[in-house]
Amino acid sequence: MYFRILIMVALAGCSSNGNGAKADAGVDAYFSKCGHPGDPGNELGIGKFCGQLSDCNSTPAAPLCSSLGDPQTHFCTKTCQMGGPANQCGTATMCACNGGGQCGCTPSACLGP
């Protein structure tokens, strides 16, 4: 009986919406240009995956989730100053600014070649 219930649950998770398309994967699915589940971040926590702001509670040096400024990114960050100290963002990160002058520590891997 347990095996039958398990199969029914698995099949329900693979259901379609009636038009032949797969059903929405739900809140656990993220499109992300940068920041993916399991990313640990650097020694300051910058780059750690976050789905929401509270996911950065364990990284006091990087208390913000980048999705606040760009909903297509999901990593813990903090504000920084362009031209500030070289170590302000920690290992494998850079201070990057958007067109509005807001600057945040960003994993170097997210900034392209």
C-alpha atoms as a PDB file:
ATOM      1  CA  MET A   1       0.000   0.000   0.000  1.00  0.00           C
ATOM      2  CA  TYR A   2       2.804   2.423   0.894  1.00  0.00           C
ATOM      3  CA  PHE A   3       4.496   1.781  -2.462  1.00  0.00           C
ATOM      4  CA  ARG A   4       1.230   2.514  -4.327  1.00  0.00           C
ATOM      5  CA  ILE A   5       0.784   5.830  -2.485  1.00  0.00           C
ATOM      6  CA  LEU A   6       4.394   6.791  -3.229  1.00  0.00           C
ATOM      7  CA  ILE A   7       3.886   6.141  -6.950  1.00  0.00           C
ATOM      8  CA  MET A   8       0.645   8.143  -6.970  1.00  0.00           C
ATOM      9  CA  VAL A   9       2.403  11.092  -5.313  1.00  0.00           C
ATOM     10  CA  ALA A  10       5.276  10.898  -7.804  1.00  0.00           C
ATOM     11  CA  LEU A  11       2.881  10.817 -10.747  1.00  0.00           C
ATOM     12  CA  ALA A  12       0.894  13.732  -9.361  1.00  0.00           C
ATOM     13  CA  GLY A  13       4.107  15.771  -9.290  1.00  0.00           C
ATOM     14  CA  CYS A  14       4.550  15.113 -13.012  1.00  0.00           C
ATOM     15  CA  SER A  15       1.054  16.095 -14.034  1.00  0.00           C
ATOM     16  CA  SER A  16       0.200  18.432 -16.882  1.00  0.00           C
ATOM     17  CA  ASN A  17      -2.158  21.377 -16.962  1.00  0.00           C
ATOM     18  CA  GLY A  18      -4.550  19.735 -19.431  1.00  0.00           C
ATOM     19  CA  ASN A  19      -2.992  21.402 -22.471  1.00  0.00           C
ATOM     20  CA  GLY A  20      -0.120  18.939 -22.641  1.00  0.00           C
ATOM     21  CA  ALA A  21       2.247  21.346 -20.870  1.00  0.00           C
ATOM     22  CA  LYS A  22       3.860  20.446 -17.575  1.00  0.00           C
ATOM     23  CA  ALA A  23       2.305  21.960 -14.496  1.00  0.00           C
ATOM     24  CA  ASP A  24       4.140  24.774 -12.741  1.00  0.00           C
ATOM     25  CA  ALA A  25       6.999  23.441 -10.617  1.00  0.00           C
ATOM     26  CA  GLY A  26       5.931  25.666  -7.727  1.00  0.00           C
ATOM     27  CA  VAL A  27       7.764  27.932  -5.348  1.00  0.00           C
ATOM     28  CA  ASP A  28      10.897  25.788  -5.242  1.00  0.00           C
ATOM     29  CA  ALA A  29      11.687  26.513  -8.896  1.00  0.00           C
ATOM     30  CA  TYR A  30      13.731  29.610  -9.641  1.00  0.00           C
ATOM     31  CA  PHE A  31      14.982  31.133 -12.835  1.00  0.00           C
ATOM     32  CA  SER A  32      18.270  32.640 -11.841  1.00  0.00           C
ATOM     33  CA  LYS A  33      20.990  34.329 -13.828  1.00  0.00           C
ATOM     34  CA  CYS A  34      23.174  34.053 -10.750  1.00  0.00           C
ATOM     35  CA  GLY A  35      22.751  32.118  -7.523  1.00  0.00           C
ATOM     36  CA  HIS A  36      21.585  28.520  -7.503  1.00  0.00           C
ATOM     37  CA  PRO A  37      20.431  26.122  -4.769  1.00  0.00           C
ATOM     38  CA  GLY A  38      23.436  24.770  -2.918  1.00  0.00           C
ATOM     39  CA  ASP A  39      25.758  27.703  -3.635  1.00  0.00           C
ATOM     40  CA  PRO A  40      27.640  28.196  -0.332  1.00  0.00           C
ATOM     41  CA  GLY A  41      29.006  31.711  -0.829  1.00  0.00           C
ATOM     42  CA  ASN A  42      32.437  32.946   0.183  1.00  0.00           C
ATOM     43  CA  GLU A  43      33.859  33.541   3.672  1.00  0.00           C
ATOM     44  CA  LEU A  44      31.463  36.506   4.126  1.00  0.00           C
ATOM     45  CA  GLY A  45      28.483  34.566   2.797  1.00  0.00           C
ATOM     46  CA  ILE A  46      28.347  36.598  -0.409  1.00  0.00           C
ATOM     47  CA  GLY A  47      27.113  34.333  -3.177  1.00  0.00           C
ATOM     48  CA  LYS A  48      25.180  31.959  -0.903  1.00  0.00           C
ATOM     49  CA  PHE A  49      21.890  30.972  -2.562  1.00  0.00           C
ATOM     50  CA  CYS A  50      18.774  32.726  -1.266  1.00  0.00           C
ATOM     51  CA  GLY A  51      15.179  32.357  -2.319  1.00  0.00           C
ATOM     52  CA  GLN A  52      14.057  35.097   0.056  1.00  0.00           C
ATOM     53  CA  LEU A  53      15.608  37.674   2.358  1.00  0.00           C
ATOM     54  CA  SER A  54      15.394  35.472   5.465  1.00  0.00           C
ATOM     55  CA  ASP A  55      17.698  32.926   3.776  1.00  0.00           C
ATOM     56  CA  CYS A  56      20.519  35.417   4.389  1.00  0.00           C
ATOM     57  CA  ASN A  57      19.928  35.514   8.170  1.00  0.00           C
ATOM     58  CA  SER A  58      22.818  33.070   8.614  1.00  0.00           C
ATOM     59  CA  THR A  59      25.218  35.406   6.766  1.00  0.00           C
ATOM     60  CA  PRO A  60      25.374  38.558   8.920  1.00  0.00           C
ATOM     61  CA  ALA A  61      28.111  40.067   6.702  1.00  0.00           C
ATOM     62  CA  ALA A  62      25.826  39.586   3.662  1.00  0.00           C
ATOM     63  CA  PRO A  63      22.299  40.230   4.978  1.00  0.00           C
ATOM     64  CA  LEU A  64      20.566  41.101   1.693  1.00  0.00           C
ATOM     65  CA  CYS A  65      19.171  38.818  -1.001  1.00  0.00           C
ATOM     66  CA  SER A  66      20.054  40.121  -4.465  1.00  0.00           C
ATOM     67  CA  SER A  67      16.525  39.361  -5.682  1.00  0.00           C
ATOM     68  CA  LEU A  68      15.455  42.582  -3.921  1.00  0.00           C
ATOM     69  CA  GLY A  69      17.212  44.549  -6.669  1.00  0.00           C
ATOM     70  CA  ASP A  70      17.052  41.986  -9.493  1.00  0.00           C
ATOM     71  CA  PRO A  71      14.385  39.280  -9.307  1.00  0.00           C
ATOM     72  CA  GLN A  72      16.430  37.117 -11.678  1.00  0.00           C
ATOM     73  CA  THR A  73      19.321  36.698  -9.219  1.00  0.00           C
ATOM     74  CA  HIS A  74      19.332  34.757  -5.944  1.00  0.00           C
ATOM     75  CA  PHE A  75      22.418  35.230  -3.788  1.00  0.00           C
ATOM     76  CA  CYS A  76      23.243  36.842  -0.447  1.00  0.00           C
ATOM     77  CA  THR A  77      25.020  40.167  -0.766  1.00  0.00           C
ATOM     78  CA  LYS A  78      25.696  43.509   0.899  1.00  0.00           C
ATOM     79  CA  THR A  79      26.101  47.049  -0.320  1.00  0.00           C
ATOM     80  CA  CYS A  80      29.565  48.204  -1.308  1.00  0.00           C
ATOM     81  CA  GLN A  81      31.341  51.262  -2.657  1.00  0.00           C
ATOM     82  CA  MET A  82      32.823  51.275  -6.135  1.00  0.00           C
ATOM     83  CA  GLY A  83      36.504  52.038  -5.644  1.00  0.00           C
ATOM     84  CA  GLY A  84      36.272  50.995  -1.984  1.00  0.00           C
ATOM     85  CA  PRO A  85      38.683  48.630  -0.238  1.00  0.00           C
ATOM     86  CA  ALA A  86      39.684  45.632  -2.369  1.00  0.00           C
ATOM     87  CA  ASN A  87      38.582  43.183   0.334  1.00  0.00           C
ATOM     88  CA  GLN A  88      35.152  44.714   1.026  1.00  0.00           C
ATOM     89  CA  CYS A  89      33.351  41.845  -0.720  1.00  0.00           C
ATOM     90  CA  GLY A  90      35.683  38.945   0.090  1.00  0.00           C
ATOM     91  CA  THR A  91      37.049  36.180  -2.102  1.00  0.00           C
ATOM     92  CA  ALA A  92      35.884  35.689  -5.705  1.00  0.00           C
ATOM     93  CA  THR A  93      33.556  38.719  -5.696  1.00  0.00           C
ATOM     94  CA  MET A  94      33.502  42.274  -6.975  1.00  0.00           C
ATOM     95  CA  CYS A  95      31.592  45.435  -6.207  1.00  0.00           C
ATOM     96  CA  ALA A  96      29.175  45.938  -9.120  1.00  0.00           C
ATOM     97  CA  CYS A  97      26.768  48.834  -9.633  1.00  0.00           C
ATOM     98  CA  ASN A  98      23.521  49.061 -11.582  1.00  0.00           C
ATOM     99  CA  GLY A  99      22.392  52.015 -13.703  1.00  0.00           C
ATOM    100  CA  GLY A 100      20.751  53.596 -10.664  1.00  0.00           C
ATOM    101  CA  GLY A 101      24.030  53.844  -8.782  1.00  0.00           C
ATOM    102  CA  GLN A 102      23.204  51.048  -6.346  1.00  0.00           C
ATOM    103  CA  CYS A 103      26.270  48.903  -5.713  1.00  0.00           C
ATOM    104  CA  GLY A 104      26.418  45.414  -4.247  1.00  0.00           C
ATOM    105  CA  CYS A 105      28.965  42.665  -3.807  1.00  0.00           C
ATOM    106  CA  THR A 106      28.552  40.163  -6.654  1.00  0.00           C
ATOM    107  CA  PRO A 107      30.187  36.786  -7.282  1.00  0.00           C
ATOM    108  CA  SER A 108      32.793  37.194 -10.029  1.00  0.00           C
ATOM    109  CA  ALA A 109      31.301  34.174 -11.828  1.00  0.00           C
ATOM    110  CA  CYS A 110      28.117  36.221 -12.338  1.00  0.00           C
ATOM    111  CA  LEU A 111      29.891  39.063 -14.056  1.00  0.00           C
ATOM    112  CA  GLY A 112      30.924  37.153 -17.174  1.00  0.00           C
ATOM    113  CA  PRO A 113      34.343  36.836 -18.798  1.00  0.00           C
END
